[in-house]
N, C-alpha and C. Protein backbone atom coordinates (compact mmCIF):
# COMPACT_ATOMS: atom_id res chain seq x y z
N MET A 1 94.15 108.82 101.81
CA MET A 1 94.40 107.55 102.38
C MET A 1 94.42 107.71 103.93
N THR A 2 93.88 106.69 104.60
CA THR A 2 93.62 106.76 106.02
C THR A 2 94.96 106.36 106.79
N ILE A 3 94.99 106.68 108.07
CA ILE A 3 96.10 106.25 108.93
C ILE A 3 96.33 104.78 108.82
N LEU A 4 95.26 103.96 108.93
CA LEU A 4 95.34 102.56 108.84
C LEU A 4 95.88 102.10 107.43
N ASN A 5 95.41 102.67 106.42
CA ASN A 5 95.91 102.28 105.07
C ASN A 5 97.39 102.65 104.89
N ARG A 6 97.78 103.76 105.41
CA ARG A 6 99.24 104.06 105.27
C ARG A 6 100.11 103.17 106.12
N THR A 7 99.62 102.84 107.32
CA THR A 7 100.32 101.91 108.20
C THR A 7 100.39 100.52 107.54
N LYS A 8 99.36 100.06 106.96
CA LYS A 8 99.35 98.79 106.28
C LYS A 8 100.36 98.73 105.14
N GLU A 9 100.29 99.83 104.35
CA GLU A 9 101.20 99.98 103.17
C GLU A 9 102.69 99.92 103.55
N VAL A 10 103.07 100.67 104.63
CA VAL A 10 104.40 100.67 105.09
C VAL A 10 104.87 99.33 105.67
N ALA A 11 104.00 98.71 106.48
CA ALA A 11 104.26 97.49 107.03
C ALA A 11 104.49 96.43 106.04
N LYS A 12 103.72 96.45 104.98
CA LYS A 12 103.86 95.57 103.88
C LYS A 12 105.21 95.75 103.18
N LEU A 13 105.52 96.94 102.99
CA LEU A 13 106.87 97.30 102.35
C LEU A 13 107.96 96.86 103.26
N ARG A 14 107.83 96.90 104.56
CA ARG A 14 108.84 96.41 105.45
C ARG A 14 108.86 94.89 105.66
N GLY A 15 107.80 94.23 105.17
CA GLY A 15 107.77 92.76 105.19
C GLY A 15 107.28 92.26 106.52
N ILE A 16 106.43 93.09 107.24
CA ILE A 16 105.91 92.66 108.55
C ILE A 16 104.36 92.87 108.55
N SER A 17 103.68 92.07 109.31
CA SER A 17 102.20 92.25 109.43
C SER A 17 101.87 93.37 110.40
N LEU A 18 100.63 93.84 110.38
CA LEU A 18 100.20 94.82 111.39
C LEU A 18 100.27 94.28 112.77
N THR A 19 100.02 93.01 112.91
CA THR A 19 100.06 92.36 114.27
C THR A 19 101.55 92.44 114.77
N GLU A 20 102.52 92.08 113.90
CA GLU A 20 103.92 92.12 114.29
C GLU A 20 104.36 93.60 114.61
N THR A 21 103.83 94.51 113.81
CA THR A 21 104.13 95.93 114.05
C THR A 21 103.68 96.37 115.36
N ALA A 22 102.37 96.02 115.74
CA ALA A 22 101.81 96.37 117.01
C ALA A 22 102.63 95.78 118.18
N ILE A 23 103.03 94.53 118.06
CA ILE A 23 103.78 93.86 119.10
C ILE A 23 105.06 94.52 119.30
N LYS A 24 105.84 94.84 118.21
CA LYS A 24 107.09 95.49 118.24
C LYS A 24 107.02 96.85 118.89
N ALA A 25 105.85 97.49 118.61
CA ALA A 25 105.62 98.79 119.23
C ALA A 25 105.16 98.80 120.68
N GLY A 26 104.93 97.60 121.17
CA GLY A 26 104.45 97.46 122.56
C GLY A 26 102.96 97.74 122.75
N LEU A 27 102.24 97.46 121.62
CA LEU A 27 100.81 97.67 121.74
C LEU A 27 100.04 96.34 121.70
N ALA A 28 98.76 96.36 121.94
CA ALA A 28 98.01 95.11 121.78
C ALA A 28 98.02 94.61 120.40
N GLU A 29 98.01 93.33 120.19
CA GLU A 29 98.21 92.74 118.91
C GLU A 29 97.28 93.25 117.79
N LYS A 30 96.06 93.52 118.04
CA LYS A 30 95.19 93.98 117.01
C LYS A 30 94.81 95.44 117.11
N SER A 31 95.54 96.18 117.95
CA SER A 31 95.15 97.58 118.21
C SER A 31 95.24 98.46 116.96
N ILE A 32 96.21 98.23 116.06
CA ILE A 32 96.27 99.08 114.85
C ILE A 32 95.07 98.93 113.99
N TYR A 33 94.42 97.79 113.98
CA TYR A 33 93.18 97.57 113.11
C TYR A 33 92.08 98.49 113.57
N SER A 34 92.12 99.01 114.77
CA SER A 34 90.97 99.90 115.18
C SER A 34 91.19 101.35 114.73
N TRP A 35 92.36 101.63 114.08
CA TRP A 35 92.67 103.01 113.69
C TRP A 35 91.76 103.38 112.57
N ASP A 36 90.98 102.46 111.94
CA ASP A 36 89.96 102.96 110.92
C ASP A 36 88.75 103.43 111.56
N ARG A 37 88.55 103.24 112.89
CA ARG A 37 87.35 103.71 113.60
C ARG A 37 87.65 104.82 114.53
N SER A 38 88.94 104.94 115.01
CA SER A 38 89.25 106.03 115.94
C SER A 38 90.78 106.37 115.67
N THR A 39 91.06 107.60 116.00
CA THR A 39 92.43 108.18 115.84
C THR A 39 93.31 107.58 116.99
N PRO A 40 94.40 107.10 116.71
CA PRO A 40 95.32 106.59 117.73
C PRO A 40 95.93 107.75 118.58
N LYS A 41 96.25 107.35 119.86
CA LYS A 41 96.93 108.28 120.70
C LYS A 41 98.26 108.65 120.08
N ALA A 42 98.69 109.88 120.32
CA ALA A 42 99.96 110.39 119.78
C ALA A 42 101.10 109.47 120.08
N ASP A 43 101.21 108.97 121.31
CA ASP A 43 102.36 108.16 121.72
C ASP A 43 102.34 106.84 121.03
N ASN A 44 101.12 106.26 120.82
CA ASN A 44 101.06 105.02 120.09
C ASN A 44 101.45 105.15 118.61
N LEU A 45 100.97 106.26 118.07
CA LEU A 45 101.34 106.52 116.66
C LEU A 45 102.79 106.71 116.52
N GLN A 46 103.48 107.33 117.44
CA GLN A 46 104.93 107.46 117.38
C GLN A 46 105.62 106.15 117.51
N LYS A 47 105.14 105.30 118.39
CA LYS A 47 105.78 104.00 118.53
C LYS A 47 105.71 103.17 117.29
N VAL A 48 104.55 103.26 116.61
CA VAL A 48 104.44 102.48 115.34
C VAL A 48 105.25 103.13 114.25
N ALA A 49 105.30 104.46 114.27
CA ALA A 49 106.17 105.11 113.25
C ALA A 49 107.66 104.72 113.43
N ASP A 50 108.08 104.68 114.68
CA ASP A 50 109.42 104.25 115.00
C ASP A 50 109.65 102.85 114.54
N VAL A 51 108.76 101.92 114.72
CA VAL A 51 108.98 100.55 114.31
C VAL A 51 109.06 100.48 112.77
N LEU A 52 108.26 101.28 112.07
CA LEU A 52 108.26 101.27 110.63
C LEU A 52 109.26 102.23 109.97
N HIS A 53 109.98 102.92 110.77
CA HIS A 53 111.03 103.93 110.29
C HIS A 53 110.40 104.98 109.35
N VAL A 54 109.28 105.51 109.82
CA VAL A 54 108.66 106.61 109.01
C VAL A 54 108.31 107.68 110.09
N SER A 55 107.94 108.84 109.59
CA SER A 55 107.46 109.91 110.45
C SER A 55 105.94 109.80 110.74
N THR A 56 105.57 110.34 111.92
CA THR A 56 104.18 110.34 112.21
C THR A 56 103.45 111.20 111.19
N ASP A 57 104.05 112.18 110.64
CA ASP A 57 103.41 113.03 109.61
C ASP A 57 103.12 112.19 108.37
N TYR A 58 103.93 111.25 108.05
CA TYR A 58 103.66 110.39 106.95
C TYR A 58 102.44 109.48 107.27
N LEU A 59 102.44 108.91 108.41
CA LEU A 59 101.27 108.02 108.70
C LEU A 59 99.94 108.83 108.76
N LEU A 60 100.07 110.09 109.24
CA LEU A 60 98.83 110.90 109.24
C LEU A 60 98.49 111.50 107.92
N GLY A 61 99.31 111.35 106.91
CA GLY A 61 98.99 111.81 105.59
C GLY A 61 99.34 113.25 105.40
N ARG A 62 100.18 113.80 106.26
CA ARG A 62 100.49 115.24 106.18
C ARG A 62 101.64 115.48 105.17
N THR A 63 102.39 114.44 104.92
CA THR A 63 103.51 114.48 103.98
C THR A 63 103.66 113.16 103.21
N ASP A 64 104.23 113.22 101.99
CA ASP A 64 104.54 112.01 101.28
C ASP A 64 105.99 111.57 101.51
N GLU A 65 106.66 112.25 102.37
CA GLU A 65 108.11 111.99 102.69
C GLU A 65 107.97 110.95 103.83
N MET A 66 108.40 109.74 103.60
CA MET A 66 108.24 108.68 104.60
C MET A 66 109.07 108.83 105.83
N ASN A 67 110.29 109.28 105.71
CA ASN A 67 111.20 109.42 106.81
C ASN A 67 111.26 110.83 107.41
N ALA A 68 111.41 110.81 108.75
CA ALA A 68 111.48 112.07 109.38
C ALA A 68 112.78 112.79 108.99
N THR A 69 112.71 114.11 108.80
CA THR A 69 113.88 114.82 108.34
C THR A 69 114.94 114.98 109.42
N SER A 70 114.58 114.75 110.62
CA SER A 70 115.54 114.83 111.74
C SER A 70 116.46 113.58 111.88
N SER A 71 116.06 112.57 111.14
CA SER A 71 116.82 111.31 111.21
C SER A 71 118.13 111.42 110.44
N ASP A 72 119.23 110.89 111.00
CA ASP A 72 120.50 110.83 110.29
C ASP A 72 120.57 109.63 109.39
N LYS A 73 119.73 108.64 109.57
CA LYS A 73 119.68 107.45 108.75
C LYS A 73 119.13 107.70 107.43
N LYS A 74 119.73 107.07 106.42
CA LYS A 74 119.26 107.11 105.03
C LYS A 74 118.54 105.71 104.77
N VAL A 75 117.32 105.79 104.44
CA VAL A 75 116.53 104.55 104.16
C VAL A 75 116.13 104.57 102.72
N ALA A 76 116.49 103.53 102.02
CA ALA A 76 116.08 103.40 100.61
C ALA A 76 115.52 102.01 100.42
N ASP A 77 114.58 101.89 99.51
CA ASP A 77 113.95 100.62 99.23
C ASP A 77 114.81 99.90 98.14
N ILE A 78 115.46 98.85 98.52
CA ILE A 78 116.35 98.12 97.69
C ILE A 78 115.62 97.54 96.49
N LEU A 79 114.32 97.31 96.67
CA LEU A 79 113.53 96.69 95.55
C LEU A 79 113.07 97.71 94.51
N ASP A 80 113.29 99.02 94.84
CA ASP A 80 112.86 100.07 93.95
C ASP A 80 114.02 100.17 92.85
N ASP A 81 113.66 99.93 91.59
CA ASP A 81 114.63 99.99 90.55
C ASP A 81 115.23 101.38 90.33
N GLU A 82 114.56 102.39 90.85
CA GLU A 82 115.10 103.72 90.69
C GLU A 82 116.18 104.10 91.75
N THR A 83 116.21 103.27 92.83
CA THR A 83 117.18 103.44 93.88
C THR A 83 118.60 103.19 93.33
N ILE A 84 119.46 104.12 93.61
CA ILE A 84 120.84 103.99 93.21
C ILE A 84 121.60 103.27 94.28
N LEU A 85 122.05 102.05 94.05
CA LEU A 85 122.79 101.29 95.05
C LEU A 85 124.28 101.51 94.87
N ALA A 86 124.94 101.80 95.95
CA ALA A 86 126.38 102.02 95.91
C ALA A 86 127.07 101.40 97.14
N PHE A 87 128.33 101.16 97.04
CA PHE A 87 129.12 100.64 98.14
C PHE A 87 130.46 101.35 98.12
N ASP A 88 130.82 101.88 99.31
CA ASP A 88 132.05 102.58 99.45
C ASP A 88 132.21 103.67 98.42
N GLY A 89 131.11 104.33 98.09
CA GLY A 89 131.11 105.45 97.17
C GLY A 89 131.13 105.12 95.70
N MET A 90 131.10 103.84 95.38
CA MET A 90 131.07 103.47 94.00
C MET A 90 129.71 102.71 93.75
N GLU A 91 129.16 103.07 92.53
CA GLU A 91 127.92 102.44 92.15
C GLU A 91 128.11 100.96 91.92
N ILE A 92 127.11 100.15 92.34
CA ILE A 92 127.13 98.69 92.11
C ILE A 92 126.67 98.34 90.76
N ALA A 93 127.36 97.37 90.10
CA ALA A 93 126.97 96.94 88.79
C ALA A 93 125.54 96.41 88.72
N GLU A 94 124.88 96.62 87.59
CA GLU A 94 123.47 96.26 87.48
C GLU A 94 123.22 94.79 87.80
N GLU A 95 124.05 93.89 87.32
CA GLU A 95 123.87 92.43 87.59
C GLU A 95 124.01 92.15 89.07
N ASP A 96 124.83 92.88 89.81
CA ASP A 96 124.98 92.66 91.23
C ASP A 96 123.77 93.27 92.00
N LYS A 97 123.28 94.38 91.43
CA LYS A 97 122.07 94.97 92.02
C LYS A 97 120.89 93.96 91.99
N GLU A 98 120.83 93.23 90.87
CA GLU A 98 119.72 92.28 90.66
C GLU A 98 119.83 91.16 91.67
N LYS A 99 121.13 90.69 91.92
CA LYS A 99 121.35 89.65 92.86
C LYS A 99 121.03 90.12 94.30
N LEU A 100 121.30 91.36 94.64
CA LEU A 100 120.87 91.87 95.99
C LEU A 100 119.37 91.95 96.04
N ARG A 101 118.72 92.37 95.03
CA ARG A 101 117.22 92.43 94.97
C ARG A 101 116.60 90.99 95.19
N GLU A 102 117.18 90.06 94.43
CA GLU A 102 116.75 88.71 94.63
C GLU A 102 116.82 88.26 96.05
N TYR A 103 117.93 88.54 96.73
CA TYR A 103 118.17 88.12 98.09
C TYR A 103 117.20 88.82 99.00
N ALA A 104 116.94 90.16 98.74
CA ALA A 104 116.02 90.99 99.53
C ALA A 104 114.61 90.33 99.40
N ARG A 105 114.20 89.91 98.18
CA ARG A 105 112.88 89.33 97.97
C ARG A 105 112.80 87.99 98.75
N PHE A 106 113.90 87.23 98.74
CA PHE A 106 113.92 85.93 99.52
C PHE A 106 113.73 86.26 101.00
N ILE A 107 114.36 87.23 101.56
CA ILE A 107 114.29 87.51 102.99
C ILE A 107 112.84 87.95 103.30
N ILE A 108 112.30 88.88 102.45
CA ILE A 108 110.86 89.25 102.63
C ILE A 108 109.90 88.14 102.69
N GLU A 109 110.12 87.18 101.72
CA GLU A 109 109.28 85.99 101.65
C GLU A 109 109.38 85.14 102.84
N GLN A 110 110.58 85.01 103.36
CA GLN A 110 110.80 84.17 104.56
C GLN A 110 110.15 84.81 105.78
N ARG A 111 110.19 86.18 105.85
CA ARG A 111 109.52 86.87 107.03
C ARG A 111 108.03 86.71 106.92
N GLN A 112 107.45 86.77 105.72
CA GLN A 112 106.00 86.62 105.55
C GLN A 112 105.56 85.19 105.87
N ARG A 113 106.43 84.29 105.62
CA ARG A 113 106.11 82.84 106.00
C ARG A 113 106.33 82.61 107.51
N GLY A 114 106.97 83.53 108.20
CA GLY A 114 107.23 83.35 109.60
C GLY A 114 108.49 82.65 109.95
N ASN A 115 109.37 82.56 108.91
CA ASN A 115 110.68 81.98 109.06
C ASN A 115 111.78 83.01 109.28
N LYS A 116 111.85 83.60 110.40
CA LYS A 116 112.69 84.71 110.63
C LYS A 116 114.09 84.40 110.62
């Protein structure tokens, strides 16, 4: 998988477009699209990785671990049925998990429509 494909995949997972990703990273709006023709500068790759909350190694295809191991933050995909959701150390009931997933889907849909 190419750098561009991995970046697209993660941006979609995060509910933002490549254009939004580039803007948040302080890059030109369409700059990420050129990554299929040329390798991005290291600092630009890092900026995009930071926006997407993944490691540069993940975007480069060096690892399948999305998050940098040096980060103290734990990131889990709430829409992943395999993710164990808990609050205050206690697992959340399955019916409540589904309600949370429904709300997450709603938020993602709103972002995709441009209704932030």
